[in-house]
Amino acid sequence: MTAAAVDADRVFTALADPRRRELLELLGRTPGCSASSLAASLPVSRQAVAQHLAVLEDSSLVSRRRAGREVLFSVRPEGLAATADWLTGRAAVWRERLEGLRKQAENG
């Protein structure tokens, strides 16, 4: 398995959870939020938000930075872009294969 596929696996695993997708949406609208401020917007605990953020960070979808005593999180669009590139490559391969099958079917 290629590194790109492994990274895509992590991203798909992270995005499989609706709460993590919701966190990404929140961070996309208001970058630089703490886990506490994110938890205030959601019906889950700060600890649950922190766990979800750790998964998102592990999959390169968010980054963290320290600002005094707080840890602030922001979306890393390059994580999604790399997965989108991988998907685009897979789609091109399948289009080629399907086109080959179509030509074989037409020729008989």
PDB file of N, CA and C in Angstrom:
ATOM      1  N   MET A   1       0.853  -1.178   0.000  1.00  0.00           N
ATOM      2  CA  MET A   1       0.000   0.000   0.000  1.00  0.00           C
ATOM      3  C   MET A   1       0.897   1.239   0.000  1.00  0.00           C
ATOM      4  N   THR A   2       0.534   2.236  -0.808  1.00  0.00           N
ATOM      5  CA  THR A   2       1.344   3.442  -0.910  1.00  0.00           C
ATOM      6  C   THR A   2       1.109   4.352   0.293  1.00  0.00           C
ATOM      7  N   ALA A   3       2.039   5.293   0.488  1.00  0.00           N
ATOM      8  CA  ALA A   3       1.899   6.262   1.579  1.00  0.00           C
ATOM      9  C   ALA A   3       0.633   7.089   1.395  1.00  0.00           C
ATOM     10  N   ALA A   4       0.327   7.446   0.153  1.00  0.00           N
ATOM     11  CA  ALA A   4      -0.884   8.229  -0.117  1.00  0.00           C
ATOM     12  C   ALA A   4      -2.137   7.456   0.279  1.00  0.00           C
ATOM     13  N   ALA A   5      -2.148   6.154   0.007  1.00  0.00           N
ATOM     14  CA  ALA A   5      -3.300   5.329   0.371  1.00  0.00           C
ATOM     15  C   ALA A   5      -3.432   5.217   1.883  1.00  0.00           C
ATOM     16  N   VAL A   6      -2.306   5.085   2.582  1.00  0.00           N
ATOM     17  CA  VAL A   6      -2.334   5.013   4.044  1.00  0.00           C
ATOM     18  C   VAL A   6      -2.871   6.318   4.604  1.00  0.00           C
ATOM     19  N   ASP A   7      -2.394   7.450   4.068  1.00  0.00           N
ATOM     20  CA  ASP A   7      -2.888   8.746   4.520  1.00  0.00           C
ATOM     21  C   ASP A   7      -4.381   8.870   4.247  1.00  0.00           C
ATOM     22  N   ALA A   8      -4.821   8.416   3.080  1.00  0.00           N
ATOM     23  CA  ALA A   8      -6.243   8.458   2.743  1.00  0.00           C
ATOM     24  C   ALA A   8      -7.045   7.600   3.721  1.00  0.00           C
ATOM     25  N   ASP A   9      -6.505   6.439   4.095  1.00  0.00           N
ATOM     26  CA  ASP A   9      -7.183   5.591   5.084  1.00  0.00           C
ATOM     27  C   ASP A   9      -7.402   6.344   6.387  1.00  0.00           C
ATOM     28  N   ARG A  10      -6.384   7.046   6.837  1.00  0.00           N
ATOM     29  CA  ARG A  10      -6.508   7.822   8.088  1.00  0.00           C
ATOM     30  C   ARG A  10      -7.563   8.907   7.952  1.00  0.00           C
ATOM     31  N   VAL A  11      -7.549   9.594   6.823  1.00  0.00           N
ATOM     32  CA  VAL A  11      -8.524  10.668   6.607  1.00  0.00           C
ATOM     33  C   VAL A  11      -9.937  10.101   6.557  1.00  0.00           C
ATOM     34  N   PHE A  12     -10.136   8.998   5.812  1.00  0.00           N
ATOM     35  CA  PHE A  12     -11.470   8.400   5.728  1.00  0.00           C
ATOM     36  C   PHE A  12     -11.940   7.915   7.097  1.00  0.00           C
ATOM     37  N   THR A  13     -11.043   7.334   7.866  1.00  0.00           N
ATOM     38  CA  THR A  13     -11.397   6.887   9.219  1.00  0.00           C
ATOM     39  C   THR A  13     -11.810   8.070  10.078  1.00  0.00           C
ATOM     40  N   ALA A  14     -11.033   9.148   9.993  1.00  0.00           N
ATOM     41  CA  ALA A  14     -11.351  10.346  10.781  1.00  0.00           C
ATOM     42  C   ALA A  14     -12.689  10.937  10.359  1.00  0.00           C
ATOM     43  N   LEU A  15     -12.937  10.993   9.062  1.00  0.00           N
ATOM     44  CA  LEU A  15     -14.158  11.610   8.553  1.00  0.00           C
ATOM     45  C   LEU A  15     -15.389  10.720   8.670  1.00  0.00           C
ATOM     46  N   ALA A  16     -15.190   9.456   9.016  1.00  0.00           N
ATOM     47  CA  ALA A  16     -16.322   8.538   9.159  1.00  0.00           C
ATOM     48  C   ALA A  16     -17.222   8.934  10.324  1.00  0.00           C
ATOM     49  N   ASP A  17     -16.673   9.650  11.288  1.00  0.00           N
ATOM     50  CA  ASP A  17     -17.447  10.041  12.462  1.00  0.00           C
ATOM     51  C   ASP A  17     -18.127  11.397  12.223  1.00  0.00           C
ATOM     52  N   PRO A  18     -19.448  11.466  12.352  1.00  0.00           N
ATOM     53  CA  PRO A  18     -20.150  12.726  12.106  1.00  0.00           C
ATOM     54  C   PRO A  18     -19.705  13.862  13.032  1.00  0.00           C
ATOM     55  N   ARG A  19     -19.360  13.534  14.257  1.00  0.00           N
ATOM     56  CA  ARG A  19     -18.920  14.585  15.200  1.00  0.00           C
ATOM     57  C   ARG A  19     -17.606  15.209  14.718  1.00  0.00           C
ATOM     58  N   ARG A  20     -16.708  14.400  14.180  1.00  0.00           N
ATOM     59  CA  ARG A  20     -15.441  14.950  13.678  1.00  0.00           C
ATOM     60  C   ARG A  20     -15.680  15.827  12.453  1.00  0.00           C
ATOM     61  N   ARG A  21     -16.616  15.419  11.601  1.00  0.00           N
ATOM     62  CA  ARG A  21     -16.956  16.274  10.456  1.00  0.00           C
ATOM     63  C   ARG A  21     -17.532  17.598  10.945  1.00  0.00           C
ATOM     64  N   GLU A  22     -18.344  17.531  11.978  1.00  0.00           N
ATOM     65  CA  GLU A  22     -18.918  18.744  12.566  1.00  0.00           C
ATOM     66  C   GLU A  22     -17.821  19.648  13.147  1.00  0.00           C
ATOM     67  N   LEU A  23     -16.848  19.043  13.807  1.00  0.00           N
ATOM     68  CA  LEU A  23     -15.721  19.819  14.333  1.00  0.00           C
ATOM     69  C   LEU A  23     -14.941  20.501  13.214  1.00  0.00           C
ATOM     70  N   LEU A  24     -14.712  19.783  12.115  1.00  0.00           N
ATOM     71  CA  LEU A  24     -14.023  20.392  10.972  1.00  0.00           C
ATOM     72  C   LEU A  24     -14.810  21.578  10.427  1.00  0.00           C
ATOM     73  N   GLU A  25     -16.122  21.434  10.349  1.00  0.00           N
ATOM     74  CA  GLU A  25     -16.962  22.542   9.878  1.00  0.00           C
ATOM     75  C   GLU A  25     -16.843  23.746  10.816  1.00  0.00           C
ATOM     76  N   LEU A  26     -16.910  23.498  12.107  1.00  0.00           N
ATOM     77  CA  LEU A  26     -16.779  24.586  13.089  1.00  0.00           C
ATOM     78  C   LEU A  26     -15.422  25.273  12.958  1.00  0.00           C
ATOM     79  N   LEU A  27     -14.368  24.481  12.853  1.00  0.00           N
ATOM     80  CA  LEU A  27     -13.022  25.054  12.729  1.00  0.00           C
ATOM     81  C   LEU A  27     -12.845  25.785  11.404  1.00  0.00           C
ATOM     82  N   GLY A  28     -13.523  25.331  10.370  1.00  0.00           N
ATOM     83  CA  GLY A  28     -13.460  26.021   9.090  1.00  0.00           C
ATOM     84  C   GLY A  28     -14.090  27.404   9.159  1.00  0.00           C
ATOM     85  N   ARG A  29     -15.137  27.530   9.968  1.00  0.00           N
ATOM     86  CA  ARG A  29     -15.798  28.834  10.121  1.00  0.00           C
ATOM     87  C   ARG A  29     -15.076  29.737  11.114  1.00  0.00           C
ATOM     88  N   THR A  30     -14.469  29.127  12.139  1.00  0.00           N
ATOM     89  CA  THR A  30     -13.803  29.919  13.185  1.00  0.00           C
ATOM     90  C   THR A  30     -12.467  29.267  13.532  1.00  0.00           C
ATOM     91  N   PRO A  31     -11.433  29.492  12.716  1.00  0.00           N
ATOM     92  CA  PRO A  31     -10.126  28.883  12.994  1.00  0.00           C
ATOM     93  C   PRO A  31      -9.537  29.414  14.299  1.00  0.00           C
ATOM     94  N   GLY A  32      -8.684  28.607  14.878  1.00  0.00           N
ATOM     95  CA  GLY A  32      -7.998  29.011  16.103  1.00  0.00           C
ATOM     96  C   GLY A  32      -8.856  28.879  17.345  1.00  0.00           C
ATOM     97  N   CYS A  33      -9.646  27.826  17.424  1.00  0.00           N
ATOM     98  CA  CYS A  33     -10.507  27.581  18.592  1.00  0.00           C
ATOM     99  C   CYS A  33      -9.857  26.585  19.537  1.00  0.00           C
ATOM    100  N   SER A  34     -10.181  26.717  20.786  1.00  0.00           N
ATOM    101  CA  SER A  34      -9.727  25.745  21.782  1.00  0.00           C
ATOM    102  C   SER A  34     -10.748  24.621  21.876  1.00  0.00           C
ATOM    103  N   ALA A  35     -10.330  23.512  22.476  1.00  0.00           N
ATOM    104  CA  ALA A  35     -11.250  22.390  22.681  1.00  0.00           C
ATOM    105  C   ALA A  35     -12.426  22.818  23.549  1.00  0.00           C
ATOM    106  N   SER A  36     -12.157  23.676  24.528  1.00  0.00           N
ATOM    107  CA  SER A  36     -13.234  24.153  25.409  1.00  0.00           C
ATOM    108  C   SER A  36     -14.264  24.972  24.648  1.00  0.00           C
ATOM    109  N   SER A  37     -13.809  25.881  23.794  1.00  0.00           N
ATOM    110  CA  SER A  37     -14.771  26.697  23.042  1.00  0.00           C
ATOM    111  C   SER A  37     -15.544  25.847  22.037  1.00  0.00           C
ATOM    112  N   LEU A  38     -14.895  24.852  21.454  1.00  0.00           N
ATOM    113  CA  LEU A  38     -15.605  23.942  20.547  1.00  0.00           C
ATOM    114  C   LEU A  38     -16.646  23.120  21.309  1.00  0.00           C
ATOM    115  N   ALA A  39     -16.275  22.649  22.486  1.00  0.00           N
ATOM    116  CA  ALA A  39     -17.195  21.842  23.290  1.00  0.00           C
ATOM    117  C   ALA A  39     -18.412  22.664  23.704  1.00  0.00           C
ATOM    118  N   ALA A  40     -18.249  23.968  23.895  1.00  0.00           N
ATOM    119  CA  ALA A  40     -19.377  24.826  24.265  1.00  0.00           C
ATOM    120  C   ALA A  40     -20.410  24.903  23.148  1.00  0.00           C
ATOM    121  N   SER A  41     -19.989  24.622  21.916  1.00  0.00           N
ATOM    122  CA  SER A  41     -20.902  24.664  20.761  1.00  0.00           C
ATOM    123  C   SER A  41     -21.546  23.315  20.483  1.00  0.00           C
ATOM    124  N   LEU A  42     -21.137  22.279  21.204  1.00  0.00           N
ATOM    125  CA  LEU A  42     -21.589  20.921  20.915  1.00  0.00           C
ATOM    126  C   LEU A  42     -22.159  20.256  22.170  1.00  0.00           C
ATOM    127  N   PRO A  43     -23.010  19.254  21.981  1.00  0.00           N
ATOM    128  CA  PRO A  43     -23.570  18.546  23.136  1.00  0.00           C
ATOM    129  C   PRO A  43     -22.674  17.411  23.625  1.00  0.00           C
ATOM    130  N   VAL A  44     -21.358  17.658  23.675  1.00  0.00           N
ATOM    131  CA  VAL A  44     -20.408  16.660  24.170  1.00  0.00           C
ATOM    132  C   VAL A  44     -19.421  17.341  25.108  1.00  0.00           C
ATOM    133  N   SER A  45     -18.711  16.534  25.860  1.00  0.00           N
ATOM    134  CA  SER A  45     -17.765  17.082  26.834  1.00  0.00           C
ATOM    135  C   SER A  45     -16.497  17.600  26.158  1.00  0.00           C
ATOM    136  N   ARG A  46     -15.757  18.397  26.881  1.00  0.00           N
ATOM    137  CA  ARG A  46     -14.482  18.898  26.393  1.00  0.00           C
ATOM    138  C   ARG A  46     -13.520  17.747  26.132  1.00  0.00           C
ATOM    139  N   GLN A  47     -13.566  16.716  26.986  1.00  0.00           N
ATOM    140  CA  GLN A  47     -12.697  15.555  26.818  1.00  0.00           C
ATOM    141  C   GLN A  47     -13.029  14.809  25.525  1.00  0.00           C
ATOM    142  N   ALA A  48     -14.313  14.686  25.205  1.00  0.00           N
ATOM    143  CA  ALA A  48     -14.707  14.022  23.960  1.00  0.00           C
ATOM    144  C   ALA A  48     -14.224  14.835  22.760  1.00  0.00           C
ATOM    145  N   VAL A  49     -14.360  16.150  22.833  1.00  0.00           N
ATOM    146  CA  VAL A  49     -13.873  17.015  21.747  1.00  0.00           C
ATOM    147  C   VAL A  49     -12.366  16.851  21.602  1.00  0.00           C
ATOM    148  N   ALA A  50     -11.643  16.827  22.722  1.00  0.00           N
ATOM    149  CA  ALA A  50     -10.181  16.669  22.677  1.00  0.00           C
ATOM    150  C   ALA A  50      -9.796  15.344  22.016  1.00  0.00           C
ATOM    151  N   GLN A  51     -10.537  14.282  22.303  1.00  0.00           N
ATOM    152  CA  GLN A  51     -10.252  12.986  21.668  1.00  0.00           C
ATOM    153  C   GLN A  51     -10.504  13.044  20.164  1.00  0.00           C
ATOM    154  N   HIS A  52     -11.592  13.664  19.766  1.00  0.00           N
ATOM    155  CA  HIS A  52     -11.881  13.802  18.339  1.00  0.00           C
ATOM    156  C   HIS A  52     -10.813  14.656  17.650  1.00  0.00           C
ATOM    157  N   LEU A  53     -10.398  15.732  18.299  1.00  0.00           N
ATOM    158  CA  LEU A  53      -9.355  16.591  17.732  1.00  0.00           C
ATOM    159  C   LEU A  53      -8.039  15.833  17.577  1.00  0.00           C
ATOM    160  N   ALA A  54      -7.736  14.935  18.511  1.00  0.00           N
ATOM    161  CA  ALA A  54      -6.510  14.132  18.416  1.00  0.00           C
ATOM    162  C   ALA A  54      -6.554  13.235  17.175  1.00  0.00           C
ATOM    163  N   VAL A  55      -7.718  12.652  16.887  1.00  0.00           N
ATOM    164  CA  VAL A  55      -7.856  11.814  15.691  1.00  0.00           C
ATOM    165  C   VAL A  55      -7.702  12.673  14.437  1.00  0.00           C
ATOM    166  N   LEU A  56      -8.331  13.840  14.427  1.00  0.00           N
ATOM    167  CA  LEU A  56      -8.215  14.750  13.283  1.00  0.00           C
ATOM    168  C   LEU A  56      -6.778  15.228  13.088  1.00  0.00           C
ATOM    169  N   GLU A  57      -6.089  15.464  14.185  1.00  0.00           N
ATOM    170  CA  GLU A  57      -4.687  15.883  14.096  1.00  0.00           C
ATOM    171  C   GLU A  57      -3.806  14.738  13.586  1.00  0.00           C
ATOM    172  N   ASP A  58      -4.058  13.532  14.054  1.00  0.00           N
ATOM    173  CA  ASP A  58      -3.296  12.359  13.615  1.00  0.00           C
ATOM    174  C   ASP A  58      -3.467  12.107  12.118  1.00  0.00           C
ATOM    175  N   SER A  59      -4.618  12.487  11.582  1.00  0.00           N
ATOM    176  CA  SER A  59      -4.872  12.292  10.153  1.00  0.00           C
ATOM    177  C   SER A  59      -4.500  13.532   9.331  1.00  0.00           C
ATOM    178  N   SER A  60      -3.818  14.474   9.950  1.00  0.00           N
ATOM    179  CA  SER A  60      -3.337  15.703   9.287  1.00  0.00           C
ATOM    180  C   SER A  60      -4.458  16.607   8.801  1.00  0.00           C
ATOM    181  N   LEU A  61      -5.618  16.541   9.447  1.00  0.00           N
ATOM    182  CA  LEU A  61      -6.732  17.405   9.071  1.00  0.00           C
ATOM    183  C   LEU A  61      -6.797  18.679   9.904  1.00  0.00           C
ATOM    184  N   VAL A  62      -6.207  18.658  11.096  1.00  0.00           N
ATOM    185  CA  VAL A  62      -6.125  19.869  11.916  1.00  0.00           C
ATOM    186  C   VAL A  62      -4.714  20.005  12.472  1.00  0.00           C
ATOM    187  N   SER A  63      -4.388  21.231  12.823  1.00  0.00           N
ATOM    188  CA  SER A  63      -3.111  21.495  13.483  1.00  0.00           C
ATOM    189  C   SER A  63      -3.401  22.207  14.798  1.00  0.00           C
ATOM    190  N   ARG A  64      -2.413  22.182  15.666  1.00  0.00           N
ATOM    191  CA  ARG A  64      -2.552  22.855  16.954  1.00  0.00           C
ATOM    192  C   ARG A  64      -1.395  23.823  17.139  1.00  0.00           C
ATOM    193  N   ARG A  65      -1.676  24.866  17.907  1.00  0.00           N
ATOM    194  CA  ARG A  65      -0.620  25.796  18.305  1.00  0.00           C
ATOM    195  C   ARG A  65      -0.955  26.296  19.697  1.00  0.00           C
ATOM    196  N   ARG A  66       0.090  26.576  20.434  1.00  0.00           N
ATOM    197  CA  ARG A  66      -0.085  27.050  21.795  1.00  0.00           C
ATOM    198  C   ARG A  66      -0.140  28.571  21.794  1.00  0.00           C
ATOM    199  N   ALA A  67      -1.112  29.107  22.524  1.00  0.00           N
ATOM    200  CA  ALA A  67      -1.241  30.552  22.722  1.00  0.00           C
ATOM    201  C   ALA A  67      -1.421  30.781  24.216  1.00  0.00           C
ATOM    202  N   GLY A  68      -0.311  31.025  24.896  1.00  0.00           N
ATOM    203  CA  GLY A  68      -0.369  31.132  26.356  1.00  0.00           C
ATOM    204  C   GLY A  68      -0.689  29.781  26.957  1.00  0.00           C
ATOM    205  N   ARG A  69      -1.749  29.742  27.734  1.00  0.00           N
ATOM    206  CA  ARG A  69      -2.148  28.480  28.367  1.00  0.00           C
ATOM    207  C   ARG A  69      -3.091  27.656  27.500  1.00  0.00           C
ATOM    208  N   GLU A  70      -3.581  28.224  26.425  1.00  0.00           N
ATOM    209  CA  GLU A  70      -4.534  27.521  25.578  1.00  0.00           C
ATOM    210  C   GLU A  70      -3.854  26.835  24.399  1.00  0.00           C
ATOM    211  N   VAL A  71      -4.472  25.772  23.944  1.00  0.00           N
ATOM    212  CA  VAL A  71      -4.077  25.111  22.709  1.00  0.00           C
ATOM    213  C   VAL A  71      -5.191  25.397  21.711  1.00  0.00           C
ATOM    214  N   LEU A  72      -4.808  25.989  20.582  1.00  0.00           N
ATOM    215  CA  LEU A  72      -5.784  26.384  19.570  1.00  0.00           C
ATOM    216  C   LEU A  72      -5.649  25.486  18.340  1.00  0.00           C
ATOM    217  N   PHE A  73      -6.780  25.135  17.761  1.00  0.00           N
ATOM    218  CA  PHE A  73      -6.822  24.214  16.631  1.00  0.00           C
ATOM    219  C   PHE A  73      -7.308  24.937  15.382  1.00  0.00           C
ATOM    220  N   SER A  74      -6.776  24.523  14.241  1.00  0.00           N
ATOM    221  CA  SER A  74      -7.193  25.057  12.943  1.00  0.00           C
ATOM    222  C   SER A  74      -7.194  23.928  11.922  1.00  0.00           C
ATOM    223  N   VAL A  75      -7.998  24.094  10.891  1.00  0.00           N
ATOM    224  CA  VAL A  75      -8.066  23.109   9.805  1.00  0.00           C
ATOM    225  C   VAL A  75      -6.783  23.176   8.982  1.00  0.00           C
ATOM    226  N   ARG A  76      -6.310  22.017   8.553  1.00  0.00           N
ATOM    227  CA  ARG A  76      -5.176  21.920   7.624  1.00  0.00           C
ATOM    228  C   ARG A  76      -5.732  21.471   6.277  1.00  0.00           C
ATOM    229  N   PRO A  77      -6.002  22.396   5.376  1.00  0.00           N
ATOM    230  CA  PRO A  77      -6.621  22.012   4.107  1.00  0.00           C
ATOM    231  C   PRO A  77      -5.766  21.067   3.276  1.00  0.00           C
ATOM    232  N   GLU A  78      -4.457  21.084   3.462  1.00  0.00           N
ATOM    233  CA  GLU A  78      -3.601  20.192   2.677  1.00  0.00           C
ATOM    234  C   GLU A  78      -3.880  18.723   2.975  1.00  0.00           C
ATOM    235  N   GLY A  79      -4.367  18.415   4.167  1.00  0.00           N
ATOM    236  CA  GLY A  79      -4.742  17.034   4.483  1.00  0.00           C
ATOM    237  C   GLY A  79      -5.891  16.556   3.609  1.00  0.00           C
ATOM    238  N   LEU A  80      -6.893  17.399   3.436  1.00  0.00           N
ATOM    239  CA  LEU A  80      -8.005  17.058   2.552  1.00  0.00           C
ATOM    240  C   LEU A  80      -7.573  17.085   1.095  1.00  0.00           C
ATOM    241  N   ALA A  81      -6.712  18.026   0.747  1.00  0.00           N
ATOM    242  CA  ALA A  81      -6.255  18.137  -0.643  1.00  0.00           C
ATOM    243  C   ALA A  81      -5.494  16.889  -1.067  1.00  0.00           C
ATOM    244  N   ALA A  82      -4.647  16.355  -0.192  1.00  0.00           N
ATOM    245  CA  ALA A  82      -3.883  15.149  -0.522  1.00  0.00           C
ATOM    246  C   ALA A  82      -4.821  13.969  -0.749  1.00  0.00           C
ATOM    247  N   THR A  83      -5.865  13.862   0.057  1.00  0.00           N
ATOM    248  CA  THR A  83      -6.833  12.781  -0.114  1.00  0.00           C
ATOM    249  C   THR A  83      -7.635  12.982  -1.395  1.00  0.00           C
ATOM    250  N   ALA A  84      -7.999  14.219  -1.689  1.00  0.00           N
ATOM    251  CA  ALA A  84      -8.717  14.510  -2.934  1.00  0.00           C
ATOM    252  C   ALA A  84      -7.852  14.150  -4.141  1.00  0.00           C
ATOM    253  N   ASP A  85      -6.564  14.448  -4.072  1.00  0.00           N
ATOM    254  CA  ASP A  85      -5.647  14.078  -5.161  1.00  0.00           C
ATOM    255  C   ASP A  85      -5.595  12.562  -5.339  1.00  0.00           C
ATOM    256  N   TRP A  86      -5.536  11.846  -4.230  1.00  0.00           N
ATOM    257  CA  TRP A  86      -5.509  10.384  -4.288  1.00  0.00           C
ATOM    258  C   TRP A  86      -6.795   9.863  -4.941  1.00  0.00           C
ATOM    259  N   LEU A  87      -7.948  10.417  -4.522  1.00  0.00           N
ATOM    260  CA  LEU A  87      -9.223  10.005  -5.103  1.00  0.00           C
ATOM    261  C   LEU A  87      -9.289  10.313  -6.593  1.00  0.00           C
ATOM    262  N   THR A  88      -8.773  11.446  -6.992  1.00  0.00           N
ATOM    263  CA  THR A  88      -8.753  11.820  -8.398  1.00  0.00           C
ATOM    264  C   THR A  88      -7.931  10.820  -9.207  1.00  0.00           C
ATOM    265  N   GLY A  89      -6.807  10.410  -8.652  1.00  0.00           N
ATOM    266  CA  GLY A  89      -5.975   9.399  -9.319  1.00  0.00           C
ATOM    267  C   GLY A  89      -6.704   8.073  -9.462  1.00  0.00           C
ATOM    268  N   ARG A  90      -7.392   7.656  -8.418  1.00  0.00           N
ATOM    269  CA  ARG A  90      -8.158   6.400  -8.479  1.00  0.00           C
ATOM    270  C   ARG A  90      -9.266   6.512  -9.511  1.00  0.00           C
ATOM    271  N   ALA A  91      -9.940   7.647  -9.556  1.00  0.00           N
ATOM    272  CA  ALA A  91     -11.031   7.838 -10.522  1.00  0.00           C
ATOM    273  C   ALA A  91     -10.498   7.760 -11.950  1.00  0.00           C
ATOM    274  N   ALA A  92      -9.325   8.323 -12.194  1.00  0.00           N
ATOM    275  CA  ALA A  92      -8.736   8.280 -13.542  1.00  0.00           C
ATOM    276  C   ALA A  92      -8.439   6.839 -13.955  1.00  0.00           C
ATOM    277  N   VAL A  93      -7.910   6.055 -13.040  1.00  0.00           N
ATOM    278  CA  VAL A  93      -7.616   4.647 -13.333  1.00  0.00           C
ATOM    279  C   VAL A  93      -8.896   3.905 -13.683  1.00  0.00           C
ATOM    280  N   TRP A  94      -9.958   4.114 -12.905  1.00  0.00           N
ATOM    281  CA  TRP A  94     -11.221   3.418 -13.177  1.00  0.00           C
ATOM    282  C   TRP A  94     -11.852   3.890 -14.477  1.00  0.00           C
ATOM    283  N   ARG A  95     -11.748   5.178 -14.779  1.00  0.00           N
ATOM    284  CA  ARG A  95     -12.272   5.656 -16.069  1.00  0.00           C
ATOM    285  C   ARG A  95     -11.563   4.957 -17.227  1.00  0.00           C
ATOM    286  N   GLU A  96     -10.238   4.830 -17.112  1.00  0.00           N
ATOM    287  CA  GLU A  96      -9.452   4.134 -18.150  1.00  0.00           C
ATOM    288  C   GLU A  96      -9.908   2.686 -18.306  1.00  0.00           C
ATOM    289  N   ARG A  97     -10.051   2.009 -17.174  1.00  0.00           N
ATOM    290  CA  ARG A  97     -10.470   0.603 -17.224  1.00  0.00           C
ATOM    291  C   ARG A  97     -11.850   0.461 -17.840  1.00  0.00           C
ATOM    292  N   LEU A  98     -12.770   1.306 -17.432  1.00  0.00           N
ATOM    293  CA  LEU A  98     -14.128   1.220 -17.968  1.00  0.00           C
ATOM    294  C   LEU A  98     -14.166   1.560 -19.455  1.00  0.00           C
ATOM    295  N   GLU A  99     -13.357   2.509 -19.864  1.00  0.00           N
ATOM    296  CA  GLU A  99     -13.278   2.853 -21.282  1.00  0.00           C
ATOM    297  C   GLU A  99     -12.737   1.661 -22.079  1.00  0.00           C
ATOM    298  N   GLY A 100     -11.739   0.974 -21.548  1.00  0.00           N
ATOM    299  CA  GLY A 100     -11.205  -0.227 -22.197  1.00  0.00           C
ATOM    300  C   GLY A 100     -12.254  -1.312 -22.329  1.00  0.00           C
ATOM    301  N   LEU A 101     -13.036  -1.519 -21.270  1.00  0.00           N
ATOM    302  CA  LEU A 101     -14.116  -2.509 -21.324  1.00  0.00           C
ATOM    303  C   LEU A 101     -15.182  -2.113 -22.345  1.00  0.00           C
ATOM    304  N   ARG A 102     -15.509  -0.827 -22.394  1.00  0.00           N
ATOM    305  CA  ARG A 102     -16.502  -0.352 -23.354  1.00  0.00           C
ATOM    306  C   ARG A 102     -16.035  -0.627 -24.787  1.00  0.00           C
ATOM    307  N   LYS A 103     -14.755  -0.342 -25.054  1.00  0.00           N
ATOM    308  CA  LYS A 103     -14.208  -0.576 -26.399  1.00  0.00           C
ATOM    309  C   LYS A 103     -14.214  -2.058 -26.737  1.00  0.00           C
ATOM    310  N   GLN A 104     -13.877  -2.899 -25.760  1.00  0.00           N
ATOM    311  CA  GLN A 104     -13.909  -4.352 -26.006  1.00  0.00           C
ATOM    312  C   GLN A 104     -15.320  -4.815 -26.318  1.00  0.00           C
ATOM    313  N   ALA A 105     -16.294  -4.296 -25.594  1.00  0.00           N
ATOM    314  CA  ALA A 105     -17.690  -4.695 -25.801  1.00  0.00           C
ATOM    315  C   ALA A 105     -18.172  -4.250 -27.187  1.00  0.00           C
ATOM    316  N   GLU A 106     -17.766  -3.068 -27.597  1.00  0.00           N
ATOM    317  CA  GLU A 106     -18.176  -2.565 -28.906  1.00  0.00           C
ATOM    318  C   GLU A 106     -17.547  -3.360 -30.044  1.00  0.00           C
ATOM    319  N   ASN A 107     -16.300  -3.826 -29.840  1.00  0.00           N
ATOM    320  CA  ASN A 107     -15.586  -4.558 -30.887  1.00  0.00           C
ATOM    321  C   ASN A 107     -15.880  -6.056 -30.860  1.00  0.00           C
ATOM    322  N   GLY A 108     -16.595  -6.458 -29.879  1.00  0.00           N
ATOM    323  CA  GLY A 108     -17.035  -7.704 -29.901  1.00  0.00           C
ATOM    324  C   GLY A 108     -16.819  -8.976 -29.449  1.00  0.00           C
TER     325      GLY A 108
END
